[in-house]
Amino acid sequence: MKTKTMMLCLVLGSWGAFAQHDHAKHSDEKKMDQNVAMFKDAKLGKAYEHYIHLKDALVASNQDDAKKAANELLKSLKDVTNGKMVADEAAKLVTAPNLEGQREAFSGVSNMMAMLVKDGKLSMGMIYLEYCPMAKASWLSNEKEIKNPYYGDQMLKCGGVKEMIH
């Protein structure tokens, strides 16, 4: 009886260890799905990071975070070649009175940022240009998975990948 109990404990223990190992592998695969875009121009890379924070704040429907991210984007664009065209659009987002106004202004920011990113040289990674037919607007993302900044939770998955920037 002791032998059977000991064998059962070993089998259950090894099964649990295997399950934990498999779970850890799944977590690592998910991390690898997240693309990291790096630019030859570090200043453009920093501006792009702030743009992504802005997009994520709009996805989360967080008006305060979106305003903070837009301010950071504005600051970072001062040192970027041709950054003024994006900065002009980002300024509209900073002064928007509500979340809907921020989302409307984000369309212009995204269009200008897409032109800037396409002219910039990626040294690593990929950027997805995504499009929502309901909003008739695009945005940039590090992920292929759609997280719509124009509608947040209302239509989080609305849209598709329009272009991949290498």
N, C-alpha and C. Protein backbone atom coordinates (compact mmCIF):
# COMPACT_ATOMS: atom_id res chain seq x y z
N MET A 1 0.81 -1.19 0.00
CA MET A 1 0.00 0.00 0.00
C MET A 1 0.86 1.26 0.00
N LYS A 2 1.97 1.22 0.79
CA LYS A 2 2.88 2.36 0.82
C LYS A 2 3.46 2.62 -0.56
N THR A 3 3.78 1.58 -1.27
CA THR A 3 4.37 1.72 -2.60
C THR A 3 3.39 2.37 -3.55
N LYS A 4 2.14 1.95 -3.52
CA LYS A 4 1.12 2.53 -4.39
C LYS A 4 0.90 4.00 -4.07
N THR A 5 0.87 4.34 -2.79
CA THR A 5 0.67 5.73 -2.38
C THR A 5 1.86 6.57 -2.84
N MET A 6 3.06 6.04 -2.67
CA MET A 6 4.26 6.75 -3.08
C MET A 6 4.26 6.95 -4.60
N MET A 7 3.89 5.95 -5.37
CA MET A 7 3.84 6.06 -6.83
C MET A 7 2.80 7.11 -7.25
N LEU A 8 1.63 7.10 -6.59
CA LEU A 8 0.59 8.06 -6.90
C LEU A 8 1.08 9.48 -6.64
N CYS A 9 1.78 9.68 -5.53
CA CYS A 9 2.33 11.01 -5.21
C CYS A 9 3.34 11.44 -6.26
N LEU A 10 4.19 10.53 -6.69
CA LEU A 10 5.19 10.86 -7.71
C LEU A 10 4.53 11.21 -9.04
N VAL A 11 3.54 10.43 -9.43
CA VAL A 11 2.84 10.69 -10.69
C VAL A 11 2.14 12.05 -10.63
N LEU A 12 1.43 12.31 -9.56
CA LEU A 12 0.72 13.59 -9.42
C LEU A 12 1.70 14.76 -9.35
N GLY A 13 2.81 14.54 -8.64
CA GLY A 13 3.83 15.60 -8.54
C GLY A 13 4.46 15.91 -9.88
N SER A 14 4.79 14.89 -10.65
CA SER A 14 5.39 15.13 -11.97
C SER A 14 4.38 15.73 -12.93
N TRP A 15 3.13 15.33 -12.81
CA TRP A 15 2.09 15.91 -13.67
C TRP A 15 1.94 17.41 -13.37
N GLY A 16 1.95 17.77 -12.10
CA GLY A 16 1.85 19.18 -11.71
C GLY A 16 3.04 19.98 -12.22
N ALA A 17 4.24 19.39 -12.12
CA ALA A 17 5.43 20.09 -12.62
C ALA A 17 5.35 20.29 -14.13
N PHE A 18 4.87 19.27 -14.83
CA PHE A 18 4.72 19.37 -16.28
C PHE A 18 3.72 20.46 -16.64
N ALA A 19 2.61 20.50 -15.92
CA ALA A 19 1.57 21.50 -16.19
C ALA A 19 2.12 22.90 -15.96
N GLN A 20 2.91 23.10 -14.92
CA GLN A 20 3.51 24.41 -14.66
C GLN A 20 4.51 24.77 -15.74
N HIS A 21 5.29 23.80 -16.17
CA HIS A 21 6.27 24.06 -17.23
C HIS A 21 5.56 24.47 -18.52
N ASP A 22 4.50 23.77 -18.86
CA ASP A 22 3.75 24.08 -20.07
C ASP A 22 3.13 25.47 -19.97
N HIS A 23 2.64 25.82 -18.80
CA HIS A 23 2.04 27.14 -18.60
C HIS A 23 3.10 28.23 -18.78
N ALA A 24 4.29 28.01 -18.27
CA ALA A 24 5.36 28.99 -18.41
C ALA A 24 5.73 29.17 -19.88
N LYS A 25 5.74 28.08 -20.62
CA LYS A 25 6.06 28.16 -22.04
C LYS A 25 5.02 29.00 -22.78
N HIS A 26 3.76 28.81 -22.43
CA HIS A 26 2.68 29.57 -23.07
C HIS A 26 2.86 31.07 -22.78
N SER A 27 3.24 31.39 -21.56
CA SER A 27 3.46 32.79 -21.19
C SER A 27 4.61 33.40 -22.00
N ASP A 28 5.70 32.63 -22.19
CA ASP A 28 6.83 33.11 -22.99
C ASP A 28 6.43 33.32 -24.44
N GLU A 29 5.60 32.42 -24.99
CA GLU A 29 5.16 32.57 -26.37
C GLU A 29 4.34 33.84 -26.53
N LYS A 30 3.51 34.14 -25.53
CA LYS A 30 2.69 35.35 -25.59
C LYS A 30 3.58 36.59 -25.59
N LYS A 31 4.65 36.57 -24.77
CA LYS A 31 5.57 37.71 -24.74
C LYS A 31 6.26 37.88 -26.09
N MET A 32 6.58 36.78 -26.75
CA MET A 32 7.27 36.85 -28.03
C MET A 32 6.34 37.37 -29.13
N ASP A 33 5.01 37.22 -28.93
CA ASP A 33 4.05 37.75 -29.89
C ASP A 33 4.08 39.27 -29.93
N GLN A 34 4.45 39.88 -28.80
CA GLN A 34 4.51 41.33 -28.75
C GLN A 34 5.77 41.78 -29.45
N ASN A 35 5.59 42.53 -30.48
CA ASN A 35 6.66 43.02 -31.32
C ASN A 35 7.25 44.29 -30.72
N VAL A 36 8.54 44.42 -30.80
CA VAL A 36 9.21 45.64 -30.35
C VAL A 36 9.78 46.33 -31.58
N ALA A 37 9.27 47.52 -31.85
CA ALA A 37 9.75 48.28 -33.01
C ALA A 37 10.85 49.22 -32.54
N MET A 38 11.97 49.17 -33.23
CA MET A 38 13.09 50.06 -32.91
C MET A 38 13.50 50.79 -34.18
N PHE A 39 13.80 52.07 -34.01
CA PHE A 39 14.17 52.92 -35.14
C PHE A 39 15.65 53.25 -35.12
N LYS A 40 16.21 53.51 -36.29
CA LYS A 40 17.59 53.97 -36.38
C LYS A 40 17.73 55.33 -35.71
N ASP A 41 16.69 56.17 -35.80
CA ASP A 41 16.64 57.47 -35.14
C ASP A 41 16.00 57.28 -33.77
N ALA A 42 16.79 57.36 -32.71
CA ALA A 42 16.29 57.14 -31.35
C ALA A 42 15.21 58.15 -30.96
N LYS A 43 15.29 59.36 -31.48
CA LYS A 43 14.29 60.39 -31.16
C LYS A 43 12.93 60.01 -31.73
N LEU A 44 12.92 59.49 -32.95
CA LEU A 44 11.67 59.01 -33.54
C LEU A 44 11.15 57.82 -32.75
N GLY A 45 12.04 56.96 -32.31
CA GLY A 45 11.65 55.80 -31.50
C GLY A 45 10.97 56.23 -30.21
N LYS A 46 11.49 57.26 -29.56
CA LYS A 46 10.89 57.75 -28.32
C LYS A 46 9.51 58.34 -28.60
N ALA A 47 9.39 59.11 -29.68
CA ALA A 47 8.09 59.68 -30.05
C ALA A 47 7.09 58.55 -30.33
N TYR A 48 7.54 57.51 -31.02
CA TYR A 48 6.65 56.39 -31.32
C TYR A 48 6.19 55.71 -30.03
N GLU A 49 7.07 55.58 -29.05
CA GLU A 49 6.68 55.00 -27.75
C GLU A 49 5.55 55.81 -27.12
N HIS A 50 5.67 57.13 -27.16
CA HIS A 50 4.63 57.99 -26.58
C HIS A 50 3.33 57.85 -27.38
N TYR A 51 3.45 57.70 -28.70
CA TYR A 51 2.26 57.48 -29.53
C TYR A 51 1.55 56.19 -29.09
N ILE A 52 2.31 55.13 -28.86
CA ILE A 52 1.73 53.85 -28.44
C ILE A 52 1.05 54.00 -27.07
N HIS A 53 1.66 54.75 -26.15
CA HIS A 53 1.01 55.00 -24.86
C HIS A 53 -0.31 55.74 -25.05
N LEU A 54 -0.31 56.69 -25.96
CA LEU A 54 -1.54 57.43 -26.28
C LEU A 54 -2.60 56.49 -26.83
N LYS A 55 -2.22 55.67 -27.78
CA LYS A 55 -3.17 54.70 -28.36
C LYS A 55 -3.73 53.78 -27.28
N ASP A 56 -2.86 53.27 -26.41
CA ASP A 56 -3.30 52.37 -25.35
C ASP A 56 -4.26 53.05 -24.37
N ALA A 57 -4.02 54.33 -24.08
CA ALA A 57 -4.91 55.08 -23.20
C ALA A 57 -6.29 55.23 -23.83
N LEU A 58 -6.33 55.45 -25.14
CA LEU A 58 -7.61 55.56 -25.83
C LEU A 58 -8.32 54.20 -25.90
N VAL A 59 -7.56 53.14 -26.08
CA VAL A 59 -8.15 51.79 -26.06
C VAL A 59 -8.82 51.56 -24.70
N ALA A 60 -8.15 52.01 -23.63
CA ALA A 60 -8.67 51.83 -22.28
C ALA A 60 -9.72 52.88 -21.91
N SER A 61 -10.02 53.80 -22.84
CA SER A 61 -10.98 54.88 -22.62
C SER A 61 -10.61 55.75 -21.42
N ASN A 62 -9.31 56.02 -21.27
CA ASN A 62 -8.81 56.80 -20.16
C ASN A 62 -8.41 58.19 -20.65
N GLN A 63 -9.31 59.15 -20.47
CA GLN A 63 -9.11 60.51 -20.98
C GLN A 63 -7.89 61.18 -20.36
N ASP A 64 -7.68 61.03 -19.06
CA ASP A 64 -6.54 61.68 -18.39
C ASP A 64 -5.21 61.13 -18.88
N ASP A 65 -5.12 59.81 -18.97
CA ASP A 65 -3.88 59.19 -19.47
C ASP A 65 -3.62 59.57 -20.93
N ALA A 66 -4.69 59.67 -21.70
CA ALA A 66 -4.54 60.06 -23.11
C ALA A 66 -3.97 61.48 -23.21
N LYS A 67 -4.46 62.37 -22.37
CA LYS A 67 -3.96 63.75 -22.38
C LYS A 67 -2.48 63.80 -21.97
N LYS A 68 -2.12 63.04 -20.94
CA LYS A 68 -0.72 62.98 -20.49
C LYS A 68 0.17 62.42 -21.60
N ALA A 69 -0.26 61.35 -22.23
CA ALA A 69 0.53 60.73 -23.30
C ALA A 69 0.66 61.68 -24.49
N ALA A 70 -0.40 62.40 -24.81
CA ALA A 70 -0.35 63.36 -25.92
C ALA A 70 0.63 64.49 -25.60
N ASN A 71 0.67 64.94 -24.35
CA ASN A 71 1.64 65.96 -23.95
C ASN A 71 3.07 65.45 -24.08
N GLU A 72 3.30 64.21 -23.68
CA GLU A 72 4.64 63.61 -23.81
C GLU A 72 5.01 63.46 -25.28
N LEU A 73 4.04 63.07 -26.09
CA LEU A 73 4.28 62.96 -27.52
C LEU A 73 4.67 64.31 -28.09
N LEU A 74 3.94 65.35 -27.70
CA LEU A 74 4.25 66.70 -28.17
C LEU A 74 5.70 67.09 -27.83
N LYS A 75 6.10 66.85 -26.59
CA LYS A 75 7.47 67.19 -26.15
C LYS A 75 8.51 66.43 -26.97
N SER A 76 8.26 65.16 -27.18
CA SER A 76 9.25 64.32 -27.88
C SER A 76 9.36 64.65 -29.35
N LEU A 77 8.33 65.21 -29.94
CA LEU A 77 8.33 65.51 -31.38
C LEU A 77 9.17 66.74 -31.74
N LYS A 78 9.51 67.55 -30.75
CA LYS A 78 10.29 68.76 -31.01
C LYS A 78 11.65 68.45 -31.63
N ASP A 79 12.22 67.31 -31.28
CA ASP A 79 13.54 66.94 -31.77
C ASP A 79 13.52 65.99 -32.96
N VAL A 80 12.33 65.67 -33.45
CA VAL A 80 12.20 64.71 -34.55
C VAL A 80 12.09 65.45 -35.87
N THR A 81 12.87 65.02 -36.86
CA THR A 81 12.78 65.60 -38.19
C THR A 81 11.36 65.44 -38.72
N ASN A 82 10.77 66.54 -39.20
CA ASN A 82 9.39 66.58 -39.70
C ASN A 82 8.36 66.26 -38.63
N GLY A 83 8.73 66.40 -37.37
CA GLY A 83 7.82 66.11 -36.27
C GLY A 83 6.72 67.14 -36.08
N LYS A 84 6.90 68.33 -36.66
CA LYS A 84 5.92 69.40 -36.47
C LYS A 84 4.54 69.02 -37.00
N MET A 85 4.50 68.29 -38.10
CA MET A 85 3.19 67.92 -38.65
C MET A 85 2.41 67.03 -37.69
N VAL A 86 3.10 66.16 -36.96
CA VAL A 86 2.43 65.31 -35.97
C VAL A 86 2.09 66.15 -34.75
N ALA A 87 3.02 67.02 -34.36
CA ALA A 87 2.81 67.85 -33.18
C ALA A 87 1.57 68.74 -33.33
N ASP A 88 1.36 69.28 -34.51
CA ASP A 88 0.18 70.12 -34.74
C ASP A 88 -1.10 69.33 -34.49
N GLU A 89 -1.12 68.09 -34.92
CA GLU A 89 -2.30 67.24 -34.71
C GLU A 89 -2.42 66.82 -33.24
N ALA A 90 -1.29 66.53 -32.60
CA ALA A 90 -1.30 66.11 -31.19
C ALA A 90 -1.79 67.25 -30.29
N ALA A 91 -1.48 68.49 -30.67
CA ALA A 91 -1.94 69.64 -29.88
C ALA A 91 -3.46 69.69 -29.84
N LYS A 92 -4.11 69.29 -30.91
CA LYS A 92 -5.58 69.25 -30.95
C LYS A 92 -6.12 68.23 -29.95
N LEU A 93 -5.39 67.13 -29.81
CA LEU A 93 -5.81 66.09 -28.90
C LEU A 93 -5.68 66.56 -27.45
N VAL A 94 -4.58 67.29 -27.16
CA VAL A 94 -4.35 67.78 -25.80
C VAL A 94 -5.47 68.71 -25.36
N THR A 95 -5.98 69.52 -26.26
CA THR A 95 -7.01 70.50 -25.91
C THR A 95 -8.43 69.99 -26.10
N ALA A 96 -8.58 68.75 -26.52
CA ALA A 96 -9.92 68.18 -26.72
C ALA A 96 -10.68 68.16 -25.39
N PRO A 97 -11.97 68.53 -25.41
CA PRO A 97 -12.73 68.64 -24.16
C PRO A 97 -13.18 67.31 -23.55
N ASN A 98 -13.16 66.24 -24.35
CA ASN A 98 -13.65 64.96 -23.85
C ASN A 98 -13.01 63.81 -24.63
N LEU A 99 -13.33 62.60 -24.22
CA LEU A 99 -12.77 61.41 -24.84
C LEU A 99 -13.12 61.31 -26.33
N GLU A 100 -14.34 61.66 -26.68
CA GLU A 100 -14.75 61.60 -28.08
C GLU A 100 -13.91 62.57 -28.93
N GLY A 101 -13.66 63.76 -28.39
CA GLY A 101 -12.82 64.73 -29.08
C GLY A 101 -11.39 64.25 -29.22
N GLN A 102 -10.89 63.57 -28.19
CA GLN A 102 -9.54 63.01 -28.25
C GLN A 102 -9.46 61.94 -29.34
N ARG A 103 -10.46 61.11 -29.40
CA ARG A 103 -10.47 60.04 -30.41
C ARG A 103 -10.56 60.62 -31.82
N GLU A 104 -11.33 61.67 -31.96
CA GLU A 104 -11.43 62.32 -33.27
C GLU A 104 -10.08 62.91 -33.68
N ALA A 105 -9.40 63.56 -32.75
CA ALA A 105 -8.09 64.16 -33.03
C ALA A 105 -7.02 63.09 -33.25
N PHE A 106 -7.21 61.93 -32.63
CA PHE A 106 -6.24 60.84 -32.77
C PHE A 106 -6.12 60.38 -34.22
N SER A 107 -7.18 60.49 -34.97
CA SER A 107 -7.14 60.11 -36.38
C SER A 107 -6.08 60.92 -37.13
N GLY A 108 -6.07 62.23 -36.92
CA GLY A 108 -5.06 63.09 -37.56
C GLY A 108 -3.67 62.78 -37.07
N VAL A 109 -3.53 62.54 -35.76
CA VAL A 109 -2.23 62.18 -35.19
C VAL A 109 -1.72 60.90 -35.85
N SER A 110 -2.61 59.92 -35.97
CA SER A 110 -2.22 58.62 -36.54
C SER A 110 -1.82 58.74 -38.01
N ASN A 111 -2.57 59.52 -38.76
CA ASN A 111 -2.22 59.71 -40.18
C ASN A 111 -0.85 60.34 -40.35
N MET A 112 -0.57 61.37 -39.57
CA MET A 112 0.72 62.05 -39.66
C MET A 112 1.84 61.17 -39.12
N MET A 113 1.56 60.46 -38.03
CA MET A 113 2.57 59.58 -37.44
C MET A 113 2.90 58.44 -38.39
N ALA A 114 1.91 57.93 -39.11
CA ALA A 114 2.15 56.86 -40.08
C ALA A 114 3.11 57.34 -41.18
N MET A 115 2.91 58.57 -41.65
CA MET A 115 3.82 59.10 -42.67
C MET A 115 5.24 59.25 -42.11
N LEU A 116 5.33 59.72 -40.87
CA LEU A 116 6.64 59.90 -40.24
C LEU A 116 7.34 58.56 -40.05
N VAL A 117 6.60 57.56 -39.60
CA VAL A 117 7.16 56.23 -39.34
C VAL A 117 7.60 55.57 -40.65
N LYS A 118 6.80 55.74 -41.70
CA LYS A 118 7.16 55.14 -42.99
C LYS A 118 8.43 55.76 -43.55
N ASP A 119 8.64 57.05 -43.29
CA ASP A 119 9.86 57.72 -43.75
C ASP A 119 11.05 57.37 -42.88
N GLY A 120 10.80 57.04 -41.62
CA GLY A 120 11.86 56.64 -40.70
C GLY A 120 12.31 55.22 -41.03
N LYS A 121 13.45 54.87 -40.56
CA LYS A 121 13.98 53.53 -40.83
C LYS A 121 13.90 52.68 -39.57
N LEU A 122 13.19 51.57 -39.69
CA LEU A 122 13.15 50.61 -38.58
C LEU A 122 14.44 49.81 -38.57
N SER A 123 15.03 49.67 -37.40
CA SER A 123 16.22 48.83 -37.30
C SER A 123 15.84 47.44 -36.79
N MET A 124 14.64 47.34 -36.19
CA MET A 124 14.19 46.05 -35.69
C MET A 124 12.67 46.08 -35.51
N GLY A 125 12.05 44.95 -35.75
CA GLY A 125 10.63 44.82 -35.49
C GLY A 125 9.75 45.17 -36.69
N MET A 126 8.47 45.25 -36.39
CA MET A 126 7.47 45.53 -37.41
C MET A 126 6.36 46.37 -36.76
N ILE A 127 5.79 47.25 -37.55
CA ILE A 127 4.67 48.06 -37.09
C ILE A 127 3.48 47.74 -37.97
N TYR A 128 2.34 47.58 -37.34
CA TYR A 128 1.12 47.28 -38.07
C TYR A 128 0.30 48.56 -38.22
N LEU A 129 -0.08 48.86 -39.44
CA LEU A 129 -1.01 49.94 -39.71
C LEU A 129 -2.38 49.30 -39.77
N GLU A 130 -3.24 49.64 -38.81
CA GLU A 130 -4.54 49.01 -38.70
C GLU A 130 -5.64 50.01 -39.04
N TYR A 131 -6.77 49.50 -39.46
CA TYR A 131 -7.84 50.37 -39.96
C TYR A 131 -9.19 49.90 -39.45
N CYS A 132 -10.01 50.86 -39.03
CA CYS A 132 -11.39 50.57 -38.60
C CYS A 132 -12.34 51.18 -39.61
N PRO A 133 -13.13 50.36 -40.31
CA PRO A 133 -14.07 50.89 -41.30
C PRO A 133 -15.21 51.68 -40.66
N MET A 134 -15.56 51.38 -39.42
CA MET A 134 -16.64 52.11 -38.75
C MET A 134 -16.20 53.55 -38.43
N ALA A 135 -14.96 53.70 -37.97
CA ALA A 135 -14.43 55.03 -37.64
C ALA A 135 -13.85 55.71 -38.88
N LYS A 136 -13.63 54.91 -39.91
CA LYS A 136 -12.96 55.38 -41.13
C LYS A 136 -11.62 56.02 -40.77
N ALA A 137 -10.87 55.30 -39.93
CA ALA A 137 -9.61 55.83 -39.42
C ALA A 137 -8.61 54.71 -39.17
N SER A 138 -7.33 55.08 -39.22
CA SER A 138 -6.23 54.14 -39.02
C SER A 138 -5.49 54.45 -37.73
N TRP A 139 -4.65 53.50 -37.31
CA TRP A 139 -3.74 53.70 -36.19
C TRP A 139 -2.57 52.74 -36.34
N LEU A 140 -1.50 53.03 -35.62
CA LEU A 140 -0.30 52.19 -35.63
C LEU A 140 -0.30 51.31 -34.38
N SER A 141 0.26 50.11 -34.52
CA SER A 141 0.31 49.19 -33.39
C SER A 141 1.54 48.30 -33.50
N ASN A 142 2.01 47.83 -32.35
CA ASN A 142 3.09 46.84 -32.31
C ASN A 142 2.55 45.43 -32.42
N GLU A 143 1.24 45.29 -32.31
CA GLU A 143 0.61 43.97 -32.28
C GLU A 143 -0.33 43.80 -33.47
N LYS A 144 -0.39 42.58 -33.95
CA LYS A 144 -1.31 42.27 -35.03
C LYS A 144 -2.75 42.21 -34.52
N GLU A 145 -2.91 41.87 -33.25
CA GLU A 145 -4.23 41.78 -32.64
C GLU A 145 -4.87 43.18 -32.61
N ILE A 146 -6.12 43.26 -33.02
CA ILE A 146 -6.83 44.53 -33.08
C ILE A 146 -7.32 44.93 -31.70
N LYS A 147 -6.94 46.15 -31.30
CA LYS A 147 -7.45 46.81 -30.10
C LYS A 147 -7.77 48.23 -30.53
N ASN A 148 -9.03 48.46 -30.84
CA ASN A 148 -9.48 49.69 -31.48
C ASN A 148 -9.48 50.88 -30.52
N PRO A 149 -8.65 51.91 -30.79
CA PRO A 149 -8.62 53.09 -29.92
C PRO A 149 -9.79 54.05 -30.15
N TYR A 150 -10.53 53.87 -31.22
CA TYR A 150 -11.62 54.79 -31.55
C TYR A 150 -12.92 54.45 -30.83
N TYR A 151 -13.08 53.20 -30.42
CA TYR A 151 -14.32 52.80 -29.76
C TYR A 151 -14.11 52.12 -28.42
N GLY A 152 -12.87 51.81 -28.07
CA GLY A 152 -12.61 51.17 -26.78
C GLY A 152 -13.40 49.89 -26.62
N ASP A 153 -13.99 49.71 -25.46
CA ASP A 153 -14.74 48.48 -25.16
C ASP A 153 -15.97 48.29 -26.03
N GLN A 154 -16.52 49.36 -26.57
CA GLN A 154 -17.73 49.25 -27.39
C GLN A 154 -17.50 48.37 -28.62
N MET A 155 -16.34 48.53 -29.25
CA MET A 155 -16.03 47.75 -30.46
C MET A 155 -14.52 47.48 -30.50
N LEU A 156 -14.02 46.86 -29.45
CA LEU A 156 -12.59 46.68 -29.26
C LEU A 156 -11.92 45.95 -30.42
N LYS A 157 -12.59 45.00 -31.02
CA LYS A 157 -11.98 44.17 -32.06
C LYS A 157 -12.32 44.62 -33.48
N CYS A 158 -12.98 45.78 -33.62
CA CYS A 158 -13.38 46.26 -34.94
C CYS A 158 -12.15 46.75 -35.70
N GLY A 159 -11.92 46.19 -36.87
CA GLY A 159 -10.83 46.64 -37.72
C GLY A 159 -9.99 45.49 -38.21
N GLY A 160 -8.93 45.83 -38.92
CA GLY A 160 -8.03 44.83 -39.46
C GLY A 160 -6.70 45.46 -39.82
N VAL A 161 -5.73 44.61 -40.10
CA VAL A 161 -4.41 45.09 -40.51
C VAL A 161 -4.48 45.54 -41.96
N LYS A 162 -4.09 46.75 -42.20
CA LYS A 162 -4.11 47.33 -43.53
C LYS A 162 -2.74 47.20 -44.20
N GLU A 163 -1.69 47.32 -43.38
CA GLU A 163 -0.32 47.31 -43.92
C GLU A 163 0.65 46.94 -42.81
N MET A 164 1.76 46.32 -43.20
CA MET A 164 2.83 46.02 -42.25
C MET A 164 4.05 46.83 -42.66
N ILE A 165 4.60 47.56 -41.72
CA ILE A 165 5.76 48.41 -41.97
C ILE A 165 6.97 47.71 -41.40
N HIS A 166 7.94 47.43 -42.26
CA HIS A 166 9.16 46.72 -41.84
C HIS A 166 10.31 47.69 -41.72
